[in-house]
Protein backbone atom coordinates (compact mmCIF):
# COMPACT_ATOMS: atom_id res chain seq x y z
CA MET A 1 181.25 122.94 -13.24
CA LYS A 2 184.74 124.09 -14.05
CA LYS A 3 183.48 126.34 -16.81
CA LYS A 4 181.07 128.05 -14.48
CA LYS A 5 183.81 128.61 -11.92
CA ILE A 6 186.15 130.10 -14.54
CA SER A 7 183.41 132.31 -15.91
CA PHE A 8 182.59 133.52 -12.44
CA LEU A 9 186.24 134.32 -11.71
CA LEU A 10 186.57 136.20 -14.99
CA ALA A 11 183.50 138.23 -14.19
CA VAL A 12 184.83 139.10 -10.73
CA SER A 13 188.19 139.98 -12.27
CA MET A 14 186.55 142.33 -14.76
CA ILE A 15 184.54 144.05 -12.02
CA VAL A 16 187.66 144.48 -9.87
CA SER A 17 189.58 145.74 -12.90
CA CYS A 18 186.84 148.26 -13.67
CA ILE A 19 186.93 149.52 -10.12
CA PHE A 20 190.67 150.21 -10.25
CA THR A 21 190.99 151.34 -13.87
CA GLY A 22 187.91 153.62 -13.94
CA CYS A 23 185.48 151.89 -16.29
CA GLY A 24 182.70 154.31 -17.17
CA GLU A 25 185.00 157.30 -16.52
CA LYS A 26 184.74 158.39 -20.14
CA GLU A 27 180.97 158.65 -19.86
CA LYS A 28 181.31 160.55 -16.59
CA VAL A 29 183.80 163.02 -18.08
CA GLU A 30 181.57 163.59 -21.09
CA GLN A 31 178.65 164.45 -18.81
CA THR A 32 180.81 166.87 -16.79
CA ASP A 33 181.98 168.59 -19.99
CA ASP A 34 178.38 169.04 -21.10
CA VAL A 35 177.44 170.66 -17.79
CA GLN A 36 180.54 172.85 -17.86
CA ASN A 37 179.82 173.98 -21.42
CA THR A 38 176.24 174.80 -20.48
CA ASN A 39 177.40 176.87 -17.50
CA GLU A 40 179.89 178.72 -19.68
CA ASP A 41 177.17 179.49 -22.23
CA GLN A 42 174.90 180.79 -19.48
CA THR A 43 177.71 182.92 -18.07
CA LYS A 44 178.44 184.40 -21.49
CA ALA A 45 174.75 185.15 -21.99
CA ALA A 46 174.60 186.79 -18.57
CA ASP A 47 177.73 188.80 -19.33
CA SER A 48 176.21 190.04 -22.57
CA ASP A 49 173.11 191.19 -20.69
CA LYS A 50 175.17 192.70 -17.86
CA PRO A 51 178.48 193.80 -19.37
CA TYR A 52 179.32 195.90 -16.29
CA SER A 53 178.44 193.21 -13.76
CA GLY A 54 180.68 193.44 -10.70
CA THR A 55 181.38 197.15 -11.24
CA THR A 56 180.89 199.56 -8.35
CA ILE A 57 180.24 203.24 -9.04
CA ARG A 58 180.20 206.12 -6.59
CA VAL A 59 177.42 208.72 -6.76
CA LEU A 60 177.70 211.97 -4.82
CA THR A 61 174.49 213.96 -4.49
CA ALA A 62 172.70 216.75 -2.67
CA ASN A 63 169.67 215.77 -0.60
CA GLN A 64 166.67 215.93 -2.90
CA THR A 65 163.42 214.19 -1.97
CA CYS A 66 163.18 212.27 -5.25
CA VAL A 67 166.72 210.96 -4.79
CA GLU A 68 166.40 210.01 -1.13
CA LYS A 69 162.91 208.50 -1.17
CA VAL A 70 162.80 206.86 -4.59
CA LEU A 71 166.18 206.36 -6.27
CA TYR A 72 168.18 205.53 -3.16
CA GLN A 73 165.52 203.06 -2.05
CA SER A 74 165.62 201.35 -5.47
CA LEU A 75 169.37 200.84 -5.91
CA ASP A 76 169.02 197.08 -5.38
CA GLU A 77 166.74 196.98 -8.44
CA PHE A 78 169.42 198.68 -10.51
CA GLU A 79 172.08 196.24 -9.32
CA GLU A 80 169.85 193.27 -10.10
CA LEU A 81 169.12 194.68 -13.54
CA THR A 82 172.68 195.61 -14.52
CA GLY A 83 175.04 193.99 -12.05
CA ILE A 84 176.34 197.45 -11.15
CA LYS A 85 176.56 198.30 -7.46
CA VAL A 86 176.01 201.93 -6.47
CA GLU A 87 177.60 203.59 -3.47
CA MET A 88 175.52 206.73 -3.02
CA GLU A 89 176.49 209.55 -0.67
CA ILE A 90 173.69 212.02 0.11
CA MET A 91 174.66 215.31 1.73
CA GLY A 92 173.21 218.70 2.60
CA THR A 93 173.48 221.24 -0.22
CA ASP A 94 176.36 223.32 1.18
CA ASP A 95 178.40 220.32 2.37
CA TYR A 96 177.77 218.56 -0.93
CA SER A 97 178.85 221.54 -3.01
CA ASN A 98 182.09 221.92 -1.06
CA LYS A 99 182.92 218.21 -1.24
CA ALA A 100 182.14 217.92 -4.95
CA THR A 101 184.25 220.96 -5.82
CA VAL A 102 187.22 219.73 -3.77
CA GLU A 103 187.15 216.26 -5.34
CA LEU A 104 186.72 217.59 -8.86
CA ALA A 105 189.57 220.05 -8.38
CA ALA A 106 191.73 217.15 -7.19
CA LYS A 107 190.75 215.21 -10.35
CA SER A 108 189.56 212.27 -8.29
CA ASP A 109 188.90 209.18 -10.40
CA ASN A 110 186.76 207.72 -7.60
CA LEU A 111 183.76 209.89 -8.41
CA ASP A 112 181.49 208.62 -11.17
CA VAL A 113 178.20 210.58 -11.01
CA ILE A 114 177.49 213.94 -9.41
CA PHE A 115 174.42 216.07 -8.75
CA LEU A 116 175.03 219.12 -10.93
CA ARG A 117 173.30 222.42 -10.13
CA PRO A 118 173.53 223.91 -13.62
CA LEU A 119 172.70 227.50 -12.78
CA ASN A 120 175.35 227.62 -10.07
CA GLU A 121 178.08 225.30 -11.29
CA LEU A 122 177.86 224.49 -15.00
CA LYS A 123 180.07 227.30 -16.28
CA GLN A 124 182.80 226.79 -13.69
CA TYR A 125 182.85 223.02 -14.01
CA THR A 126 182.94 223.00 -17.81
CA GLN A 127 185.58 225.70 -18.09
CA ASN A 128 187.74 223.67 -15.73
CA GLY A 129 187.26 220.55 -17.84
CA TRP A 130 185.59 218.64 -15.04
CA LEU A 131 182.55 217.27 -16.90
CA THR A 132 181.98 214.66 -19.60
CA ASP A 133 180.17 215.50 -22.83
CA LEU A 134 176.86 213.60 -22.65
CA SER A 135 175.60 214.61 -26.08
CA TYR A 136 175.85 210.97 -27.22
CA LEU A 137 172.81 210.18 -25.09
CA LYS A 138 170.72 211.97 -27.70
CA GLU A 139 171.31 208.98 -29.98
CA ASP A 140 169.77 206.54 -27.48
CA ALA A 141 166.20 206.20 -28.76
CA GLU A 142 165.11 203.99 -25.86
CA PHE A 143 166.21 206.58 -23.30
CA GLY A 144 164.39 209.25 -25.30
CA ILE A 145 166.15 212.45 -24.37
CA ASP A 146 163.90 214.34 -26.78
CA ASP A 147 161.11 213.71 -24.25
CA PHE A 148 162.76 216.20 -21.87
CA PHE A 149 161.60 219.82 -22.00
CA GLU A 150 163.95 221.71 -24.29
CA SER A 151 164.46 224.49 -21.74
CA SER A 152 165.55 221.93 -19.13
CA LEU A 153 168.19 220.55 -21.50
CA GLN A 154 169.33 224.07 -22.39
CA SER A 155 169.99 224.68 -18.70
CA CYS A 156 172.44 221.78 -18.81
CA THR A 157 174.08 222.87 -22.07
CA TYR A 158 177.20 225.01 -22.41
CA ASN A 159 178.67 226.04 -25.76
CA ASP A 160 176.18 223.72 -27.48
CA VAL A 161 177.41 220.70 -25.51
CA LEU A 162 175.14 218.72 -23.16
CA TYR A 163 176.84 218.10 -19.81
CA GLY A 164 173.94 216.98 -17.64
CA VAL A 165 170.58 215.24 -17.73
CA PRO A 166 167.94 217.10 -15.67
CA ILE A 167 166.29 215.50 -12.65
CA LEU A 168 163.93 218.23 -11.47
CA ALA A 169 163.11 221.82 -12.26
CA GLU A 170 160.82 224.70 -11.41
CA SER A 171 159.14 227.49 -13.30
CA GLN A 172 157.42 230.72 -12.32
CA ILE A 173 153.63 231.04 -12.17
CA MET A 174 151.07 233.49 -10.88
CA TYR A 175 148.98 232.65 -7.81
CA TYR A 176 145.92 234.84 -7.37
CA ARG A 177 142.77 235.22 -5.29
CA LYS A 178 140.19 233.78 -7.60
CA ASP A 179 137.31 234.68 -5.32
CA LEU A 180 138.26 238.36 -5.12
CA LEU A 181 138.71 238.71 -8.87
CA GLU A 182 135.27 237.19 -9.42
CA GLU A 183 133.75 239.38 -6.73
CA LYS A 184 135.14 242.58 -8.28
CA GLY A 185 134.61 241.53 -11.88
CA ILE A 186 138.34 241.54 -12.69
CA LYS A 187 139.50 239.15 -15.40
CA VAL A 188 142.67 237.14 -14.87
CA PRO A 189 145.51 239.39 -16.11
CA GLU A 190 147.14 238.30 -19.35
CA THR A 191 149.50 241.27 -19.74
CA LEU A 192 151.70 243.20 -17.34
CA GLU A 193 149.53 246.28 -17.82
CA GLU A 194 146.47 244.29 -16.77
CA LEU A 195 148.38 242.90 -13.80
CA GLU A 196 149.23 246.37 -12.53
CA SER A 197 145.65 247.55 -13.00
CA ALA A 198 144.26 244.52 -11.13
CA ALA A 199 146.81 244.92 -8.29
CA SER A 200 145.83 248.59 -8.00
CA THR A 201 142.14 247.69 -7.70
CA LEU A 202 142.74 245.11 -4.96
CA HIS A 203 145.31 247.13 -3.01
CA ASP A 204 143.88 248.20 0.37
CA PRO A 205 146.74 248.82 2.82
CA GLU A 206 144.47 250.50 5.38
CA ASN A 207 142.82 247.12 5.86
CA ASP A 208 146.12 245.25 5.76
CA PHE A 209 145.53 243.93 2.25
CA TYR A 210 148.03 244.33 -0.60
CA GLY A 211 147.73 244.09 -4.36
CA ILE A 212 150.80 241.95 -4.97
CA ALA A 213 153.72 240.21 -3.27
CA LEU A 214 157.10 239.56 -4.93
CA ARG A 215 160.56 238.89 -3.57
CA GLY A 216 162.31 242.15 -2.74
CA LYS A 217 165.25 241.14 -0.59
CA ALA A 218 168.76 241.58 -1.98
CA ASN A 219 170.06 238.55 -3.88
CA ALA A 220 166.78 236.64 -3.45
CA CYS A 221 164.81 238.97 -5.73
CA ILE A 222 166.96 238.27 -8.79
CA THR A 223 165.50 234.88 -9.68
CA GLN A 224 161.90 236.13 -9.72
CA PHE A 225 162.88 239.37 -11.42
CA SER A 226 164.32 237.30 -14.29
CA THR A 227 160.87 236.57 -15.74
CA PHE A 228 160.09 240.29 -15.87
CA LEU A 229 163.48 241.06 -17.41
CA TYR A 230 162.80 238.50 -20.15
CA ALA A 231 159.26 239.86 -20.61
CA PHE A 232 160.68 243.25 -21.55
CA GLY A 233 163.11 241.62 -23.98
CA GLY A 234 166.18 241.83 -21.75
CA ARG A 235 168.76 239.32 -20.51
CA PHE A 236 171.34 239.41 -17.72
CA ASN A 237 174.40 238.79 -19.88
CA ASP A 238 175.90 236.92 -22.78
CA GLU A 239 179.23 235.09 -22.78
CA THR A 240 181.40 238.20 -22.50
CA LYS A 241 179.17 241.17 -21.80
CA SER A 242 176.68 242.47 -19.24
CA LEU A 243 173.32 243.30 -20.81
CA MET A 244 171.99 245.16 -17.80
CA GLY A 245 172.78 248.57 -19.27
CA THR A 246 170.06 248.23 -21.92
CA GLU A 247 166.77 250.10 -22.10
CA GLU A 248 164.93 246.80 -21.77
CA ALA A 249 166.66 246.10 -18.44
CA LEU A 250 165.81 249.58 -17.14
CA GLN A 251 162.15 249.16 -18.08
CA ALA A 252 162.02 245.81 -16.30
CA VAL A 253 163.63 247.22 -13.13
CA ARG A 254 161.25 250.17 -13.09
CA TYR A 255 158.21 247.94 -13.59
CA TYR A 256 159.17 245.31 -10.98
CA GLY A 257 160.25 247.80 -8.36
CA GLY A 258 157.39 250.17 -9.07
CA LEU A 259 154.82 247.39 -8.72
CA LEU A 260 156.07 246.59 -5.23
CA ASN A 261 156.49 250.23 -4.27
CA LYS A 262 152.90 251.09 -5.16
CA TYR A 263 151.00 247.87 -4.47
CA GLY A 264 153.27 245.68 -2.35
CA PRO A 265 153.28 245.08 1.41
CA ALA A 266 155.25 247.28 3.78
CA GLY A 267 158.80 246.01 4.13
CA ALA A 268 158.77 244.34 0.68
CA VAL A 269 162.44 245.20 0.27
CA ASN A 270 163.26 242.63 2.98
CA MET A 271 161.02 239.81 1.80
CA THR A 272 161.97 236.43 0.34
CA TRP A 273 159.51 233.80 -0.91
CA THR A 274 158.76 232.61 2.64
CA GLU A 275 157.37 235.95 3.79
CA CYS A 276 155.47 236.49 0.54
CA ALA A 277 153.93 233.00 0.59
CA ALA A 278 152.94 233.46 4.23
CA LEU A 279 151.15 236.73 3.48
CA PHE A 280 149.27 235.15 0.59
CA ALA A 281 148.31 232.13 2.72
CA GLN A 282 147.06 234.49 5.42
CA GLY A 283 144.67 236.06 2.93
CA LYS A 284 146.46 239.41 2.79
CA VAL A 285 147.61 239.49 -0.85
CA GLY A 286 145.77 239.52 -4.18
CA PHE A 287 148.57 238.31 -6.47
CA PHE A 288 151.71 236.34 -5.68
CA ILE A 289 154.21 235.51 -8.43
CA ASP A 290 156.86 232.93 -7.61
CA SER A 291 158.03 229.35 -8.18
CA ASP A 292 155.54 226.58 -8.90
CA ALA A 293 157.58 224.35 -6.58
CA ILE A 294 156.20 226.10 -3.48
CA TYR A 295 152.50 225.74 -4.21
CA GLY A 296 152.16 223.31 -1.30
CA ASN A 297 152.94 226.18 1.08
CA ILE A 298 149.80 228.09 0.16
CA THR A 299 147.23 225.38 -0.59
CA GLY A 300 145.88 222.16 0.82
CA ASP A 301 146.40 222.96 4.53
CA SER A 302 143.29 223.42 6.66
CA SER A 303 145.22 225.71 9.00
CA LEU A 304 145.62 228.35 6.27
CA ALA A 305 143.39 231.41 6.16
CA ILE A 306 142.48 230.79 2.53
CA THR A 307 140.95 227.65 1.07
CA GLU A 308 141.91 225.83 -2.13
CA ASP A 309 138.85 227.04 -3.99
CA GLN A 310 139.90 230.66 -3.35
CA VAL A 311 143.25 230.23 -5.13
CA GLY A 312 143.75 230.47 -8.87
CA PHE A 313 146.84 229.65 -10.94
CA ALA A 314 147.98 231.06 -14.27
CA LYS A 315 150.99 231.85 -16.42
CA VAL A 316 152.83 235.05 -15.55
CA PRO A 317 151.25 237.81 -17.68
CA ALA A 318 153.01 238.72 -20.91
CA GLY A 319 155.24 241.74 -21.35
CA PRO A 320 156.33 243.48 -24.58
CA ALA A 321 158.39 240.38 -25.47
CA GLY A 322 155.60 237.92 -24.67
CA ASN A 323 155.14 235.20 -22.03
CA THR A 324 158.60 234.44 -20.71
CA PRO A 325 158.55 232.67 -17.33
CA PHE A 326 161.90 231.32 -16.27
CA TYR A 327 162.49 227.58 -16.22
CA ALA A 328 165.26 226.59 -13.86
CA THR A 329 166.76 223.12 -13.73
CA ILE A 330 167.45 222.66 -10.03
CA GLY A 331 169.53 219.54 -10.44
CA ALA A 332 170.92 217.15 -13.05
CA TRP A 333 173.12 214.08 -13.19
CA ALA A 334 176.58 214.62 -14.67
CA ILE A 335 179.66 212.43 -15.09
CA PRO A 336 183.06 213.78 -14.01
CA SER A 337 185.59 213.63 -16.81
CA PHE A 338 188.05 211.84 -14.52
CA SER A 339 185.78 208.85 -13.85
CA LYS A 340 187.21 205.53 -15.02
CA LYS A 341 183.73 204.00 -15.17
CA GLN A 342 182.07 206.28 -17.70
CA GLU A 343 179.85 203.67 -19.33
CA ALA A 344 178.59 202.20 -16.07
CA ALA A 345 177.91 205.74 -14.83
CA ALA A 346 175.88 206.44 -17.97
CA GLU A 347 173.85 203.27 -17.32
CA PHE A 348 172.95 204.63 -13.89
CA ILE A 349 171.81 207.93 -15.39
CA LYS A 350 169.70 206.20 -18.03
CA TRP A 351 168.08 203.95 -15.43
CA SER A 352 167.43 206.63 -12.81
CA LEU A 353 165.94 209.05 -15.36
CA SER A 354 164.19 206.49 -17.53
CA LYS A 355 160.52 207.09 -18.25
CA GLU A 356 159.61 204.39 -15.72
CA MET A 357 161.69 205.78 -12.85
CA ASP A 358 160.76 209.35 -13.67
CA LEU A 359 157.10 208.40 -13.47
CA ARG A 360 157.66 206.74 -10.11
CA MET A 361 159.32 209.87 -8.73
CA ALA A 362 156.43 212.02 -9.92
CA LYS A 363 153.76 209.69 -8.52
CA GLU A 364 155.45 208.87 -5.22
CA VAL A 365 156.90 212.27 -4.21
CA GLN A 366 155.37 214.66 -6.76
CA ASN A 367 158.74 215.36 -8.30
CA ALA A 368 158.60 218.24 -10.81
CA SER A 369 159.61 216.08 -13.76
CA CYS A 370 161.51 217.41 -16.75
CA ARG A 371 159.94 214.80 -19.06
CA ALA A 372 156.87 215.89 -21.01
CA SER A 373 155.41 212.36 -21.11
CA THR A 374 155.30 212.12 -17.32
CA TRP A 375 152.84 215.00 -17.10
CA GLU A 376 150.52 213.23 -19.55
CA VAL A 377 149.93 210.29 -17.20
CA PRO A 378 146.52 210.61 -15.49
CA GLU A 379 147.83 209.50 -12.09
CA VAL A 380 150.37 212.32 -12.11
CA ALA A 381 147.93 214.88 -13.42
CA ASP A 382 145.33 213.89 -10.82
CA SER A 383 147.75 214.65 -7.97
CA PHE A 384 147.70 218.35 -8.91
CA GLN A 385 144.84 220.81 -9.03
CA PRO A 386 143.76 221.11 -12.68
CA GLU A 387 144.43 224.86 -12.89
CA MET A 388 147.80 224.41 -11.21
CA LEU A 389 148.82 221.67 -13.64
CA LYS A 390 147.67 223.78 -16.58
CA ALA A 391 149.71 226.77 -15.37
CA MET A 392 152.78 224.61 -14.81
CA THR A 393 152.72 222.85 -18.17
CA GLU A 394 151.85 225.97 -20.17
CA SER A 395 154.67 227.86 -18.46
CA ARG A 396 157.15 225.13 -19.27
CA GLU A 397 156.14 225.17 -22.92
CA VAL A 398 157.08 228.85 -23.38
CA ALA A 399 159.75 229.18 -20.69
CA VAL A 400 163.19 230.75 -20.95
CA ALA A 401 165.99 228.61 -19.54
CA GLY A 402 167.61 230.00 -16.42
CA ASP A 403 166.66 232.46 -13.70
CA ARG A 404 169.94 234.21 -12.88
CA PRO A 405 173.16 235.60 -14.42
CA THR A 406 175.27 232.96 -16.17
CA VAL A 407 178.60 233.58 -14.47
CA ILE A 408 180.77 231.65 -12.05
CA GLY A 409 180.30 234.22 -9.29
CA VAL A 410 176.50 233.91 -9.36
CA SER A 411 175.92 235.06 -5.79
CA GLN A 412 178.14 238.10 -6.23
CA ALA A 413 176.35 239.02 -9.45
CA ARG A 414 172.97 238.70 -7.74
CA ASP A 415 174.11 241.04 -4.97
CA ILE A 416 175.30 243.61 -7.50
CA LEU A 417 172.14 243.55 -9.62
CA SER A 418 169.80 243.64 -6.62
CA VAL A 419 170.80 247.23 -5.81
CA PRO A 420 168.87 249.03 -8.59
CA ILE A 421 165.83 246.79 -8.06
CA GLN A 422 165.74 247.72 -4.39
CA GLU A 423 166.12 251.40 -5.28
CA ALA A 424 163.00 251.11 -7.41
CA ILE A 425 161.11 249.26 -4.67
CA MET A 426 161.89 252.14 -2.30
CA GLY A 427 160.45 254.60 -4.81
CA ASN A 428 163.70 255.97 -6.23
CA ASP A 429 164.62 256.24 -9.92
CA PRO A 430 166.91 253.22 -10.49
CA ALA A 431 168.64 254.58 -13.62
CA ASP A 432 171.92 255.66 -11.98
CA ALA A 433 172.06 252.62 -9.73
CA LEU A 434 171.53 250.37 -12.74
CA LYS A 435 174.39 252.03 -14.64
CA GLU A 436 176.69 251.41 -11.68
CA ALA A 437 175.47 247.83 -11.32
CA ASP A 438 176.02 247.22 -15.05
CA LYS A 439 179.59 248.49 -14.68
CA GLU A 440 180.33 246.30 -11.64
CA PHE A 441 178.74 243.28 -13.28
CA GLN A 442 180.89 243.78 -16.38
CA GLU A 443 184.00 243.96 -14.21
CA LEU A 444 182.99 240.63 -12.64
CA ILE A 445 182.54 239.07 -16.07
CA ASP A 446 185.92 240.46 -17.23
CA SER A 447 187.68 239.11 -14.15
CA GLU A 448 186.35 235.64 -14.86
CA GLN A 449 187.47 235.83 -18.48
CA SER A 450 191.03 236.66 -17.43
CA ASP A 451 191.29 233.92 -14.80
């Protein structure tokens, strides 16, 4: 009996002792360490997958449909994928341009990605040292920059250095009245001589019908004239010299202006693309040569005077130097050189212009992709009329990068070079006006070199 009592007391004593001294604590600590180690391993793995997790980048952009309706709406996906948060500011073109220029001039380090308009801003921004060299992206096989049309990349290249990755672009094509050509037995023009002959045959101003419509208004006409300039073997300028004093430039001005003077609508000298497209849609024009980006304005609307089956699409006819439609990159992503988050910014560019996202933009908002592979996807191809798609892709394959002078003062240059074109449209010999324009353009180029 005594033994049992002692044993019982010892047992109670041991239990009490364990309570106060922490028996089993070692096992508990070991379990906690295991859990902690597991969590640390998981965190390290997550960090390796998302090395920029917790980073916030600021993207400043002009209001483009593909950006607003696809990329902006998908930013949560990017953050989930990379851990990078994006603060995107979308602005109207003019407000955006002013804000971007001010911040870049101030060397703001709180600006990580910008919407670059290469034909307007590339030269100025690069000469000021405001942009990061993105040539290293060519080494990223998964991103596949070689899938982009070469002419689109050239638009974003200055002095052989890539400063932007193109988002969307446009080229020039020929819209024509398929039904009228068939009715009159006229084949689709393949050369500029054939184009003039066909326009002459269709031209009937007494019945308010015109052979051809092209932009004729000052400044606005330059972009569409570019294709004709290239077709005659000319160019606007090189790095230091105006090339508008050449025989090729004179031939191009005479052809473009003469075509409108003889076979264009009355008042052509005051027309931009909106007036020209409206005339074509009203069934008053045989040929209309302009950007492929505006095809929606002249097809697919039951309120228009012409139906879809009356409209044909083709490459711009070839000149002495061949088929040379312009290819203009409207916008590209670029990284300011002052950004402190260069790598995270590059991750955003690679995600937003990946093959997957590019395909989504094309399918959801018919974005004019700069990736060749996107146009090979049946769903994308089916959203365009077959002839339209053929004209677009064939034009891109032979296109010349750019549709305007490559100077900082682009608008001023366009005003200067419009003068001889308008002289030709009005039926005057443009030779003297072109000489004067060449001189003024050279002075503009020289002034930029000395700044």
